Amino acid sequence: MTMQVGMVGTDGIVIAGDTRHSISPRFAGAAARHGFGGTKIRIDESGRIAVCCAIDMNASKRFAERILSELPSEEPKNRLRRIEEIGREIGAGLAGSREIESLMVFADSLSTFYHFRFIGSDREVSVDEVIDAAASGDTVNSAIFWRMRYYKRLPIEQLTVLASHLIVSAGETNSAMIDGLEILLCDANGLRRLSDDENREWASKAKERGERIGEMVLTV
């Protein structure tokens, strides 16, 4: 399971997500589900395109690789069409109800943000340009409340507070499948992946903030 969110700000876009990769016993030949920590955000060599992987990680990674290799030279006006075409081609090779979901950012003059989803059970593809905020992965997680209630177009430094709080809260709600935090900033200068130390600091602040909110809510 994955939890990721993207938010459009006044000066760029912030992407935040968890870093837990879960391995099912039926794939690993093990007796119990286990996992490891690792990035779920792929960035192209130019540092101008980022693709987030969610739901079926193997299929999502193949989708990300195609986007990163084929879209750098694509005209912005053709992106929606090409994203849909690539998604359909990857989805056509998937059996059953496997799904792909992805958030994508392009650090060009427009700093564009897209949401893609392939629903295997219906063989349905959807791709949209996002002008405010969107989430992917475990979107039934109650932590999605934070985006729904408090998102507004603000500088990305402020939106990073909200995005990191959402991801950390999602992990506390579904700790077996969601853990860790990674943050990516997109602005006129390009993409910047925050360091491990910076991510840990944002996660620590989010946990402290959650405790303070709990105290306020429960104070008579």
N, C-alpha and C. Protein backbone atom coordinates (compact mmCIF):
# COMPACT_ATOMS: atom_id res chain seq x y z
N MET A 1 0.85 -1.19 0.00
CA MET A 1 0.00 0.00 0.00
C MET A 1 0.88 1.24 0.00
N THR A 2 0.36 2.30 -0.50
CA THR A 2 1.11 3.55 -0.64
C THR A 2 0.20 4.72 -0.30
N MET A 3 0.80 5.80 0.20
CA MET A 3 0.05 7.04 0.36
C MET A 3 0.90 8.16 -0.20
N GLN A 4 0.37 8.89 -1.17
CA GLN A 4 1.08 10.00 -1.78
C GLN A 4 0.12 11.16 -2.00
N VAL A 5 0.63 12.37 -1.93
CA VAL A 5 -0.20 13.54 -2.16
C VAL A 5 0.63 14.60 -2.89
N GLY A 6 -0.01 15.33 -3.77
CA GLY A 6 0.60 16.45 -4.45
C GLY A 6 -0.25 17.68 -4.25
N MET A 7 0.38 18.82 -4.03
CA MET A 7 -0.34 20.06 -3.79
C MET A 7 0.28 21.19 -4.61
N VAL A 8 -0.56 21.90 -5.34
CA VAL A 8 -0.12 23.03 -6.14
C VAL A 8 -0.11 24.28 -5.27
N GLY A 9 1.02 24.97 -5.24
CA GLY A 9 1.15 26.19 -4.44
C GLY A 9 1.30 27.42 -5.31
N THR A 10 1.49 28.53 -4.68
CA THR A 10 1.65 29.79 -5.40
C THR A 10 3.00 29.89 -6.10
N ASP A 11 3.96 29.10 -5.65
CA ASP A 11 5.31 29.18 -6.22
C ASP A 11 5.86 27.83 -6.64
N GLY A 12 4.98 26.84 -6.82
CA GLY A 12 5.45 25.53 -7.25
C GLY A 12 4.51 24.43 -6.80
N ILE A 13 5.03 23.23 -6.74
CA ILE A 13 4.26 22.04 -6.38
C ILE A 13 5.05 21.24 -5.36
N VAL A 14 4.38 20.70 -4.36
CA VAL A 14 5.02 19.81 -3.41
C VAL A 14 4.41 18.42 -3.55
N ILE A 15 5.28 17.40 -3.56
CA ILE A 15 4.86 16.00 -3.58
C ILE A 15 5.39 15.35 -2.31
N ALA A 16 4.54 14.61 -1.62
CA ALA A 16 4.99 13.87 -0.43
C ALA A 16 4.41 12.46 -0.49
N GLY A 17 5.17 11.51 0.01
CA GLY A 17 4.69 10.14 0.01
C GLY A 17 5.43 9.31 1.04
N ASP A 18 4.93 8.11 1.28
CA ASP A 18 5.61 7.20 2.19
C ASP A 18 6.66 6.40 1.43
N THR A 19 7.44 5.62 2.15
CA THR A 19 8.55 4.90 1.53
C THR A 19 8.53 3.40 1.82
N ARG A 20 7.41 2.88 2.32
CA ARG A 20 7.36 1.46 2.68
C ARG A 20 6.95 0.60 1.49
N HIS A 21 7.80 -0.36 1.15
CA HIS A 21 7.49 -1.35 0.12
C HIS A 21 7.12 -2.66 0.82
N SER A 22 5.88 -3.10 0.65
CA SER A 22 5.42 -4.33 1.29
C SER A 22 5.56 -5.50 0.33
N ILE A 23 6.04 -6.61 0.84
CA ILE A 23 6.24 -7.82 0.03
C ILE A 23 5.30 -8.90 0.54
N SER A 24 4.43 -9.36 -0.33
CA SER A 24 3.47 -10.40 0.04
C SER A 24 4.16 -11.76 0.11
N PRO A 25 3.75 -12.62 1.04
CA PRO A 25 4.34 -13.96 1.14
C PRO A 25 4.23 -14.76 -0.16
N ARG A 26 3.18 -14.53 -0.91
CA ARG A 26 3.00 -15.34 -2.13
C ARG A 26 4.03 -14.97 -3.21
N PHE A 27 4.65 -13.76 -3.10
CA PHE A 27 5.70 -13.38 -4.04
C PHE A 27 7.08 -13.74 -3.50
N ALA A 28 7.24 -13.68 -2.18
CA ALA A 28 8.57 -13.87 -1.60
C ALA A 28 8.83 -15.29 -1.14
N GLY A 29 7.81 -16.14 -1.14
CA GLY A 29 7.97 -17.49 -0.65
C GLY A 29 8.23 -17.53 0.85
N ALA A 30 7.80 -16.49 1.54
CA ALA A 30 8.02 -16.38 2.98
C ALA A 30 6.74 -16.71 3.73
N ALA A 31 6.86 -16.84 5.04
CA ALA A 31 5.71 -17.20 5.87
C ALA A 31 4.94 -15.98 6.34
N ALA A 32 5.51 -14.80 6.19
CA ALA A 32 4.84 -13.59 6.68
C ALA A 32 5.11 -12.43 5.74
N ARG A 33 4.18 -11.47 5.71
CA ARG A 33 4.38 -10.26 4.93
C ARG A 33 5.52 -9.45 5.56
N HIS A 34 6.38 -8.91 4.73
CA HIS A 34 7.46 -8.07 5.23
C HIS A 34 7.72 -6.97 4.22
N GLY A 35 8.72 -6.16 4.44
CA GLY A 35 8.96 -5.07 3.52
C GLY A 35 10.29 -4.38 3.76
N PHE A 36 10.46 -3.26 3.07
CA PHE A 36 11.69 -2.49 3.20
C PHE A 36 11.36 -1.04 2.86
N GLY A 37 12.27 -0.14 3.20
CA GLY A 37 12.07 1.27 2.89
C GLY A 37 12.82 1.67 1.64
N GLY A 38 12.20 2.45 0.81
CA GLY A 38 12.84 2.90 -0.42
C GLY A 38 11.97 3.92 -1.14
N THR A 39 12.58 4.73 -1.98
CA THR A 39 11.82 5.75 -2.68
C THR A 39 10.79 5.17 -3.63
N LYS A 40 9.68 5.88 -3.78
CA LYS A 40 8.65 5.51 -4.75
C LYS A 40 8.49 6.62 -5.79
N ILE A 41 9.45 7.54 -5.80
CA ILE A 41 9.42 8.65 -6.75
C ILE A 41 10.60 8.54 -7.70
N ARG A 42 10.32 8.42 -8.99
CA ARG A 42 11.37 8.33 -10.00
C ARG A 42 11.55 9.69 -10.69
N ILE A 43 12.80 10.09 -10.91
CA ILE A 43 13.11 11.37 -11.54
C ILE A 43 13.97 11.11 -12.77
N ASP A 44 13.70 11.84 -13.86
CA ASP A 44 14.47 11.63 -15.08
C ASP A 44 15.85 12.27 -14.97
N GLU A 45 16.72 11.95 -15.92
CA GLU A 45 18.11 12.40 -15.86
C GLU A 45 18.25 13.92 -15.89
N SER A 46 17.33 14.60 -16.53
CA SER A 46 17.40 16.06 -16.62
C SER A 46 16.98 16.73 -15.31
N GLY A 47 16.35 15.96 -14.42
CA GLY A 47 15.87 16.54 -13.17
C GLY A 47 14.67 17.44 -13.37
N ARG A 48 13.89 17.20 -14.44
CA ARG A 48 12.74 18.05 -14.75
C ARG A 48 11.41 17.31 -14.69
N ILE A 49 11.44 15.98 -14.60
CA ILE A 49 10.20 15.20 -14.57
C ILE A 49 10.28 14.21 -13.41
N ALA A 50 9.20 14.11 -12.63
CA ALA A 50 9.12 13.14 -11.54
C ALA A 50 7.83 12.35 -11.66
N VAL A 51 7.92 11.05 -11.42
CA VAL A 51 6.77 10.17 -11.50
C VAL A 51 6.68 9.36 -10.21
N CYS A 52 5.53 9.40 -9.55
CA CYS A 52 5.30 8.64 -8.32
C CYS A 52 4.66 7.30 -8.66
N CYS A 53 5.07 6.26 -7.97
CA CYS A 53 4.56 4.92 -8.20
C CYS A 53 3.65 4.49 -7.05
N ALA A 54 2.47 3.96 -7.38
CA ALA A 54 1.54 3.52 -6.35
C ALA A 54 0.72 2.32 -6.84
N ILE A 55 0.06 1.66 -5.89
CA ILE A 55 -0.77 0.47 -6.08
C ILE A 55 0.11 -0.70 -6.50
N ASP A 56 0.02 -1.17 -7.75
CA ASP A 56 0.87 -2.27 -8.22
C ASP A 56 2.25 -1.69 -8.54
N MET A 57 3.21 -1.90 -7.63
CA MET A 57 4.49 -1.22 -7.77
C MET A 57 5.26 -1.66 -9.00
N ASN A 58 5.22 -2.95 -9.34
CA ASN A 58 5.97 -3.41 -10.50
C ASN A 58 5.45 -2.77 -11.78
N ALA A 59 4.13 -2.76 -11.93
CA ALA A 59 3.54 -2.15 -13.12
C ALA A 59 3.74 -0.64 -13.11
N SER A 60 3.62 -0.03 -11.93
CA SER A 60 3.80 1.42 -11.83
C SER A 60 5.23 1.83 -12.18
N LYS A 61 6.20 1.01 -11.81
CA LYS A 61 7.59 1.31 -12.16
C LYS A 61 7.81 1.24 -13.67
N ARG A 62 7.18 0.26 -14.32
CA ARG A 62 7.29 0.18 -15.78
C ARG A 62 6.65 1.40 -16.44
N PHE A 63 5.52 1.81 -15.90
CA PHE A 63 4.86 3.01 -16.41
C PHE A 63 5.77 4.23 -16.22
N ALA A 64 6.37 4.36 -15.04
CA ALA A 64 7.26 5.49 -14.76
C ALA A 64 8.44 5.51 -15.71
N GLU A 65 9.03 4.35 -15.97
CA GLU A 65 10.19 4.28 -16.86
C GLU A 65 9.84 4.75 -18.27
N ARG A 66 8.64 4.38 -18.74
CA ARG A 66 8.20 4.82 -20.07
C ARG A 66 7.99 6.33 -20.10
N ILE A 67 7.36 6.86 -19.06
CA ILE A 67 7.12 8.31 -19.00
C ILE A 67 8.45 9.07 -19.00
N LEU A 68 9.38 8.62 -18.18
CA LEU A 68 10.66 9.32 -18.05
C LEU A 68 11.51 9.22 -19.31
N SER A 69 11.35 8.16 -20.06
CA SER A 69 12.16 7.99 -21.27
C SER A 69 11.53 8.63 -22.50
N GLU A 70 10.21 8.73 -22.53
CA GLU A 70 9.53 9.16 -23.75
C GLU A 70 8.95 10.58 -23.72
N LEU A 71 8.68 11.12 -22.53
CA LEU A 71 8.03 12.42 -22.48
C LEU A 71 8.94 13.64 -22.40
N PRO A 72 10.24 13.51 -22.07
CA PRO A 72 11.07 14.72 -22.02
C PRO A 72 11.06 15.53 -23.31
N SER A 73 10.95 14.88 -24.45
CA SER A 73 10.97 15.58 -25.73
C SER A 73 9.57 15.89 -26.27
N GLU A 74 8.53 15.50 -25.51
CA GLU A 74 7.16 15.68 -25.97
C GLU A 74 6.69 17.11 -25.73
N GLU A 75 5.94 17.64 -26.66
CA GLU A 75 5.35 18.97 -26.50
C GLU A 75 4.33 18.93 -25.36
N PRO A 76 4.30 19.98 -24.50
CA PRO A 76 3.34 19.99 -23.39
C PRO A 76 1.90 19.75 -23.83
N LYS A 77 1.52 20.24 -24.99
CA LYS A 77 0.15 20.08 -25.46
C LYS A 77 -0.21 18.62 -25.74
N ASN A 78 0.81 17.77 -25.92
CA ASN A 78 0.56 16.35 -26.23
C ASN A 78 0.67 15.44 -25.01
N ARG A 79 0.98 15.99 -23.84
CA ARG A 79 1.27 15.14 -22.67
C ARG A 79 0.09 14.27 -22.25
N LEU A 80 -1.08 14.86 -22.13
CA LEU A 80 -2.23 14.08 -21.69
C LEU A 80 -2.45 12.87 -22.60
N ARG A 81 -2.38 13.10 -23.90
CA ARG A 81 -2.59 12.01 -24.85
C ARG A 81 -1.51 10.95 -24.71
N ARG A 82 -0.24 11.36 -24.58
CA ARG A 82 0.85 10.39 -24.50
C ARG A 82 0.81 9.63 -23.18
N ILE A 83 0.47 10.30 -22.09
CA ILE A 83 0.37 9.60 -20.81
C ILE A 83 -0.71 8.53 -20.90
N GLU A 84 -1.84 8.88 -21.50
CA GLU A 84 -2.93 7.90 -21.65
C GLU A 84 -2.50 6.73 -22.53
N GLU A 85 -1.82 7.01 -23.63
CA GLU A 85 -1.38 5.95 -24.53
C GLU A 85 -0.42 5.00 -23.83
N ILE A 86 0.56 5.55 -23.13
CA ILE A 86 1.53 4.71 -22.42
C ILE A 86 0.82 3.90 -21.34
N GLY A 87 -0.09 4.53 -20.61
CA GLY A 87 -0.83 3.81 -19.57
C GLY A 87 -1.64 2.66 -20.14
N ARG A 88 -2.28 2.87 -21.28
CA ARG A 88 -3.07 1.80 -21.90
C ARG A 88 -2.16 0.65 -22.35
N GLU A 89 -1.00 0.98 -22.89
CA GLU A 89 -0.08 -0.06 -23.35
C GLU A 89 0.44 -0.90 -22.18
N ILE A 90 0.80 -0.24 -21.08
CA ILE A 90 1.25 -0.98 -19.89
C ILE A 90 0.09 -1.79 -19.31
N GLY A 91 -1.08 -1.17 -19.22
CA GLY A 91 -2.24 -1.85 -18.65
C GLY A 91 -2.69 -3.05 -19.46
N ALA A 92 -2.50 -2.99 -20.78
CA ALA A 92 -2.93 -4.11 -21.63
C ALA A 92 -2.18 -5.39 -21.29
N GLY A 93 -1.00 -5.27 -20.72
CA GLY A 93 -0.22 -6.46 -20.37
C GLY A 93 -0.46 -6.97 -18.97
N LEU A 94 -1.38 -6.32 -18.24
CA LEU A 94 -1.65 -6.73 -16.86
C LEU A 94 -2.87 -7.66 -16.80
N ALA A 95 -2.77 -8.67 -15.97
CA ALA A 95 -3.87 -9.61 -15.83
C ALA A 95 -4.80 -9.20 -14.69
N GLY A 96 -6.06 -9.62 -14.80
CA GLY A 96 -7.01 -9.46 -13.71
C GLY A 96 -7.28 -8.02 -13.32
N SER A 97 -7.31 -7.79 -12.01
CA SER A 97 -7.71 -6.47 -11.49
C SER A 97 -6.52 -5.62 -11.03
N ARG A 98 -5.32 -5.92 -11.55
CA ARG A 98 -4.15 -5.12 -11.16
C ARG A 98 -4.34 -3.67 -11.57
N GLU A 99 -3.82 -2.75 -10.75
CA GLU A 99 -4.02 -1.33 -10.98
C GLU A 99 -2.71 -0.55 -10.93
N ILE A 100 -2.71 0.57 -11.62
CA ILE A 100 -1.59 1.51 -11.60
C ILE A 100 -2.14 2.87 -11.21
N GLU A 101 -1.43 3.58 -10.36
CA GLU A 101 -1.80 4.96 -10.06
C GLU A 101 -0.52 5.77 -9.95
N SER A 102 -0.58 7.01 -10.41
CA SER A 102 0.63 7.81 -10.43
C SER A 102 0.33 9.30 -10.39
N LEU A 103 1.15 10.03 -9.64
CA LEU A 103 1.19 11.48 -9.69
C LEU A 103 2.45 11.86 -10.45
N MET A 104 2.36 12.86 -11.33
CA MET A 104 3.51 13.27 -12.14
C MET A 104 3.66 14.78 -12.13
N VAL A 105 4.88 15.27 -12.05
CA VAL A 105 5.12 16.70 -12.14
C VAL A 105 6.18 16.97 -13.21
N PHE A 106 5.99 18.07 -13.92
CA PHE A 106 6.91 18.51 -14.96
C PHE A 106 7.39 19.91 -14.60
N ALA A 107 8.67 20.06 -14.36
CA ALA A 107 9.24 21.34 -13.95
C ALA A 107 9.58 22.18 -15.16
N ASP A 108 8.56 22.58 -15.91
CA ASP A 108 8.77 23.46 -17.05
C ASP A 108 8.25 24.84 -16.69
N SER A 109 8.03 25.67 -17.69
CA SER A 109 7.58 27.04 -17.41
C SER A 109 6.21 27.07 -16.75
N LEU A 110 5.44 25.97 -16.91
CA LEU A 110 4.10 25.90 -16.34
C LEU A 110 4.06 25.11 -15.04
N SER A 111 5.12 24.33 -14.74
CA SER A 111 5.15 23.44 -13.57
C SER A 111 3.84 22.65 -13.48
N THR A 112 3.61 21.81 -14.47
CA THR A 112 2.35 21.08 -14.57
C THR A 112 2.34 19.81 -13.71
N PHE A 113 1.14 19.41 -13.31
CA PHE A 113 0.92 18.32 -12.36
C PHE A 113 -0.22 17.44 -12.90
N TYR A 114 0.02 16.11 -12.97
CA TYR A 114 -0.97 15.20 -13.53
C TYR A 114 -1.25 14.04 -12.58
N HIS A 115 -2.47 13.51 -12.69
CA HIS A 115 -2.86 12.29 -11.96
C HIS A 115 -3.29 11.26 -12.99
N PHE A 116 -2.72 10.04 -12.87
CA PHE A 116 -3.04 8.94 -13.79
C PHE A 116 -3.52 7.73 -13.01
N ARG A 117 -4.51 7.00 -13.58
CA ARG A 117 -4.92 5.74 -12.96
C ARG A 117 -5.41 4.76 -14.03
N PHE A 118 -4.95 3.51 -13.89
CA PHE A 118 -5.44 2.40 -14.70
C PHE A 118 -6.15 1.42 -13.77
N ILE A 119 -7.44 1.17 -14.04
CA ILE A 119 -8.24 0.25 -13.22
C ILE A 119 -8.40 -1.05 -13.99
N GLY A 120 -7.69 -2.08 -13.54
CA GLY A 120 -7.64 -3.33 -14.28
C GLY A 120 -8.97 -4.04 -14.44
N SER A 121 -9.80 -4.00 -13.41
CA SER A 121 -11.06 -4.73 -13.47
C SER A 121 -11.98 -4.20 -14.56
N ASP A 122 -11.87 -2.90 -14.87
CA ASP A 122 -12.71 -2.29 -15.90
C ASP A 122 -11.93 -1.96 -17.17
N ARG A 123 -10.61 -2.21 -17.15
CA ARG A 123 -9.72 -1.82 -18.25
C ARG A 123 -9.91 -0.34 -18.57
N GLU A 124 -10.05 0.45 -17.53
CA GLU A 124 -10.33 1.88 -17.67
C GLU A 124 -9.10 2.71 -17.36
N VAL A 125 -8.86 3.74 -18.15
CA VAL A 125 -7.74 4.65 -17.96
C VAL A 125 -8.26 6.06 -17.75
N SER A 126 -7.70 6.75 -16.77
CA SER A 126 -8.04 8.17 -16.60
C SER A 126 -6.75 8.95 -16.36
N VAL A 127 -6.67 10.12 -16.96
CA VAL A 127 -5.52 11.01 -16.76
C VAL A 127 -6.02 12.44 -16.79
N ASP A 128 -5.61 13.21 -15.80
CA ASP A 128 -6.09 14.58 -15.67
C ASP A 128 -4.96 15.50 -15.25
N GLU A 129 -5.03 16.74 -15.70
CA GLU A 129 -4.13 17.76 -15.18
C GLU A 129 -4.74 18.29 -13.89
N VAL A 130 -3.94 18.35 -12.84
CA VAL A 130 -4.42 18.77 -11.53
C VAL A 130 -4.06 20.24 -11.33
N ILE A 131 -5.04 21.04 -10.89
CA ILE A 131 -4.79 22.46 -10.67
C ILE A 131 -4.81 22.83 -9.19
N ASP A 132 -5.08 21.84 -8.31
CA ASP A 132 -5.07 22.13 -6.88
C ASP A 132 -4.32 21.05 -6.10
N ALA A 133 -4.99 19.97 -5.74
CA ALA A 133 -4.33 18.91 -4.97
C ALA A 133 -4.93 17.57 -5.33
N ALA A 134 -4.13 16.51 -5.23
CA ALA A 134 -4.60 15.16 -5.52
C ALA A 134 -3.78 14.16 -4.72
N ALA A 135 -4.40 13.02 -4.43
CA ALA A 135 -3.74 11.95 -3.69
C ALA A 135 -3.80 10.66 -4.48
N SER A 136 -2.91 9.73 -4.16
CA SER A 136 -2.90 8.42 -4.81
C SER A 136 -2.56 7.35 -3.78
N GLY A 137 -2.93 6.12 -4.09
CA GLY A 137 -2.65 5.01 -3.19
C GLY A 137 -3.82 4.73 -2.26
N ASP A 138 -3.56 4.78 -0.98
CA ASP A 138 -4.56 4.47 0.04
C ASP A 138 -5.47 5.67 0.27
N THR A 139 -6.25 6.02 -0.75
CA THR A 139 -7.06 7.23 -0.66
C THR A 139 -8.33 7.05 0.16
N VAL A 140 -8.57 5.85 0.69
CA VAL A 140 -9.67 5.69 1.65
C VAL A 140 -9.17 5.87 3.07
N ASN A 141 -7.87 6.10 3.22
CA ASN A 141 -7.28 6.35 4.52
C ASN A 141 -7.85 7.65 5.09
N SER A 142 -8.23 7.63 6.35
CA SER A 142 -8.87 8.80 6.95
C SER A 142 -7.97 10.02 6.99
N ALA A 143 -6.65 9.84 6.83
CA ALA A 143 -5.73 10.97 6.83
C ALA A 143 -5.97 11.91 5.65
N ILE A 144 -6.70 11.46 4.65
CA ILE A 144 -7.01 12.31 3.50
C ILE A 144 -7.81 13.53 3.95
N PHE A 145 -8.38 13.45 5.13
CA PHE A 145 -9.11 14.58 5.72
C PHE A 145 -8.28 15.85 5.71
N TRP A 146 -6.99 15.76 5.98
CA TRP A 146 -6.16 16.95 6.11
C TRP A 146 -6.11 17.74 4.81
N ARG A 147 -6.03 17.03 3.68
CA ARG A 147 -6.07 17.72 2.39
C ARG A 147 -7.45 18.31 2.14
N MET A 148 -8.48 17.54 2.39
CA MET A 148 -9.84 17.98 2.09
C MET A 148 -10.23 19.20 2.93
N ARG A 149 -9.76 19.25 4.16
CA ARG A 149 -10.18 20.33 5.06
C ARG A 149 -9.29 21.56 4.97
N TYR A 150 -7.98 21.40 4.79
CA TYR A 150 -7.08 22.53 4.99
C TYR A 150 -6.30 22.98 3.76
N TYR A 151 -6.38 22.24 2.65
CA TYR A 151 -5.61 22.69 1.49
C TYR A 151 -6.12 24.03 0.96
N LYS A 152 -5.23 24.91 0.67
CA LYS A 152 -5.48 26.11 -0.09
C LYS A 152 -4.18 26.48 -0.79
N ARG A 153 -4.27 27.27 -1.83
CA ARG A 153 -3.06 27.61 -2.59
C ARG A 153 -2.19 28.56 -1.79
N LEU A 154 -1.09 28.03 -1.29
CA LEU A 154 -0.15 28.76 -0.45
C LEU A 154 1.27 28.51 -0.97
N PRO A 155 2.27 29.22 -0.48
CA PRO A 155 3.66 28.88 -0.83
C PRO A 155 3.96 27.43 -0.47
N ILE A 156 4.81 26.78 -1.27
CA ILE A 156 5.04 25.35 -1.06
C ILE A 156 5.71 25.06 0.28
N GLU A 157 6.39 26.01 0.88
CA GLU A 157 6.95 25.77 2.20
C GLU A 157 5.83 25.51 3.21
N GLN A 158 4.73 26.25 3.10
CA GLN A 158 3.60 26.01 3.99
C GLN A 158 2.87 24.72 3.62
N LEU A 159 2.75 24.46 2.34
CA LEU A 159 2.06 23.24 1.91
C LEU A 159 2.85 21.99 2.29
N THR A 160 4.16 22.11 2.41
CA THR A 160 4.96 20.98 2.86
C THR A 160 4.58 20.57 4.28
N VAL A 161 4.21 21.54 5.10
CA VAL A 161 3.73 21.24 6.45
C VAL A 161 2.49 20.35 6.36
N LEU A 162 1.53 20.75 5.53
CA LEU A 162 0.29 19.99 5.40
C LEU A 162 0.51 18.64 4.76
N ALA A 163 1.32 18.59 3.69
CA ALA A 163 1.55 17.33 2.99
C ALA A 163 2.27 16.31 3.88
N SER A 164 3.28 16.75 4.60
CA SER A 164 4.01 15.82 5.48
C SER A 164 3.12 15.34 6.61
N HIS A 165 2.27 16.23 7.13
CA HIS A 165 1.36 15.83 8.20
C HIS A 165 0.39 14.76 7.70
N LEU A 166 -0.10 14.91 6.48
CA LEU A 166 -1.02 13.92 5.91
C LEU A 166 -0.35 12.56 5.80
N ILE A 167 0.86 12.52 5.27
CA ILE A 167 1.55 11.23 5.07
C ILE A 167 1.86 10.56 6.41
N VAL A 168 2.35 11.32 7.37
CA VAL A 168 2.66 10.74 8.69
C VAL A 168 1.39 10.25 9.36
N SER A 169 0.31 11.01 9.25
CA SER A 169 -0.97 10.59 9.82
C SER A 169 -1.48 9.32 9.16
N ALA A 170 -1.29 9.20 7.85
CA ALA A 170 -1.71 7.99 7.14
C ALA A 170 -0.96 6.77 7.65
N GLY A 171 0.33 6.95 7.95
CA GLY A 171 1.12 5.84 8.48
C GLY A 171 0.66 5.44 9.87
N GLU A 172 0.24 6.40 10.67
CA GLU A 172 -0.24 6.08 12.01
C GLU A 172 -1.59 5.37 11.94
N THR A 173 -2.37 5.67 10.91
CA THR A 173 -3.67 5.01 10.72
C THR A 173 -3.51 3.62 10.15
N ASN A 174 -2.57 3.43 9.23
CA ASN A 174 -2.35 2.14 8.58
C ASN A 174 -0.86 1.80 8.69
N SER A 175 -0.40 1.58 9.92
CA SER A 175 1.03 1.40 10.16
C SER A 175 1.59 0.12 9.57
N ALA A 176 0.76 -0.85 9.29
CA ALA A 176 1.25 -2.10 8.72
C ALA A 176 1.68 -1.94 7.26
N MET A 177 1.13 -0.93 6.57
CA MET A 177 1.37 -0.81 5.14
C MET A 177 1.99 0.52 4.72
N ILE A 178 1.98 1.51 5.61
CA ILE A 178 2.47 2.84 5.26
C ILE A 178 3.46 3.30 6.32
N ASP A 179 4.63 3.75 5.89
CA ASP A 179 5.64 4.21 6.83
C ASP A 179 6.66 5.07 6.08
N GLY A 180 7.35 5.92 6.82
CA GLY A 180 8.39 6.73 6.21
C GLY A 180 7.82 7.96 5.51
N LEU A 181 8.71 8.82 5.05
CA LEU A 181 8.30 10.05 4.39
C LEU A 181 9.38 10.49 3.41
N GLU A 182 8.97 10.85 2.21
CA GLU A 182 9.85 11.49 1.24
C GLU A 182 9.11 12.67 0.62
N ILE A 183 9.85 13.74 0.40
CA ILE A 183 9.25 14.98 -0.10
C ILE A 183 10.04 15.46 -1.31
N LEU A 184 9.30 15.92 -2.31
CA LEU A 184 9.88 16.46 -3.54
C LEU A 184 9.27 17.83 -3.78
N LEU A 185 10.10 18.83 -4.06
CA LEU A 185 9.64 20.17 -4.35
C LEU A 185 9.89 20.49 -5.82
N CYS A 186 8.92 21.12 -6.45
CA CYS A 186 9.02 21.49 -7.85
C CYS A 186 8.74 22.98 -7.96
N ASP A 187 9.69 23.74 -8.49
CA ASP A 187 9.48 25.16 -8.71
C ASP A 187 10.20 25.59 -9.98
N ALA A 188 10.34 26.89 -10.16
CA ALA A 188 10.94 27.40 -11.39
C ALA A 188 12.38 26.94 -11.58
N ASN A 189 13.03 26.53 -10.51
CA ASN A 189 14.42 26.07 -10.60
C ASN A 189 14.53 24.59 -10.92
N GLY A 190 13.42 23.88 -10.95
CA GLY A 190 13.43 22.45 -11.22
C GLY A 190 12.93 21.65 -10.04
N LEU A 191 13.38 20.40 -9.95
CA LEU A 191 12.96 19.49 -8.89
C LEU A 191 14.03 19.39 -7.83
N ARG A 192 13.60 19.31 -6.57
CA ARG A 192 14.55 19.09 -5.48
C ARG A 192 14.00 18.04 -4.55
N ARG A 193 14.69 16.91 -4.48
CA ARG A 193 14.32 15.84 -3.54
C ARG A 193 14.97 16.16 -2.19
N LEU A 194 14.17 16.24 -1.15
CA LEU A 194 14.71 16.54 0.17
C LEU A 194 15.60 15.41 0.66
N SER A 195 16.60 15.73 1.45
CA SER A 195 17.53 14.74 1.97
C SER A 195 16.86 13.87 3.03
N ASP A 196 17.49 12.77 3.37
CA ASP A 196 16.95 11.90 4.42
C ASP A 196 16.82 12.65 5.73
N ASP A 197 17.81 13.47 6.05
CA ASP A 197 17.75 14.23 7.30
C ASP A 197 16.58 15.22 7.28
N GLU A 198 16.37 15.88 6.15
CA GLU A 198 15.25 16.83 6.05
C GLU A 198 13.91 16.10 6.17
N ASN A 199 13.80 14.95 5.53
CA ASN A 199 12.57 14.18 5.62
C ASN A 199 12.29 13.72 7.05
N ARG A 200 13.33 13.28 7.74
CA ARG A 200 13.16 12.85 9.13
C ARG A 200 12.71 14.03 10.01
N GLU A 201 13.25 15.21 9.72
CA GLU A 201 12.87 16.38 10.50
C GLU A 201 11.40 16.74 10.27
N TRP A 202 10.97 16.69 9.01
CA TRP A 202 9.57 16.97 8.72
C TRP A 202 8.65 15.94 9.37
N ALA A 203 9.07 14.66 9.35
CA ALA A 203 8.26 13.60 9.97
C ALA A 203 8.16 13.81 11.48
N SER A 204 9.28 14.18 12.10
CA SER A 204 9.29 14.42 13.54
C SER A 204 8.36 15.58 13.90
N LYS A 205 8.42 16.65 13.11
CA LYS A 205 7.54 17.79 13.36
C LYS A 205 6.07 17.41 13.20
N ALA A 206 5.78 16.56 12.22
CA ALA A 206 4.40 16.14 12.00
C ALA A 206 3.87 15.33 13.19
N LYS A 207 4.71 14.46 13.73
CA LYS A 207 4.29 13.66 14.89
C LYS A 207 4.05 14.56 16.10
N GLU A 208 4.93 15.52 16.32
CA GLU A 208 4.75 16.46 17.42
C GLU A 208 3.48 17.28 17.23
N ARG A 209 3.24 17.70 16.01
CA ARG A 209 2.05 18.49 15.71
C ARG A 209 0.79 17.67 15.97
N GLY A 210 0.81 16.40 15.59
CA GLY A 210 -0.33 15.53 15.83
C GLY A 210 -0.64 15.39 17.31
N GLU A 211 0.40 15.28 18.11
CA GLU A 211 0.19 15.18 19.55
C GLU A 211 -0.42 16.45 20.12
N ARG A 212 0.04 17.61 19.62
CA ARG A 212 -0.52 18.88 20.10
C ARG A 212 -1.98 19.03 19.70
N ILE A 213 -2.30 18.60 18.48
CA ILE A 213 -3.70 18.67 18.02
C ILE A 213 -4.58 17.79 18.90
N GLY A 214 -4.07 16.59 19.21
CA GLY A 214 -4.83 15.69 20.09
C GLY A 214 -5.10 16.29 21.45
N GLU A 215 -4.09 16.97 22.01
CA GLU A 215 -4.26 17.61 23.30
C GLU A 215 -5.30 18.73 23.25
N MET A 216 -5.27 19.51 22.17
CA MET A 216 -6.25 20.58 22.02
C MET A 216 -7.67 20.05 21.89
N VAL A 217 -7.82 19.01 21.08
CA VAL A 217 -9.15 18.43 20.84
C VAL A 217 -9.74 17.85 22.12
N LEU A 218 -8.90 17.25 22.95
CA LEU A 218 -9.38 16.56 24.14
C LEU A 218 -9.39 17.45 25.39
N THR A 219 -8.98 18.69 25.23
CA THR A 219 -8.97 19.60 26.37
C THR A 219 -10.37 20.19 26.58
N VAL A 220 -10.88 20.07 27.79
CA VAL A 220 -12.22 20.56 28.11
C VAL A 220 -12.14 22.07 28.37
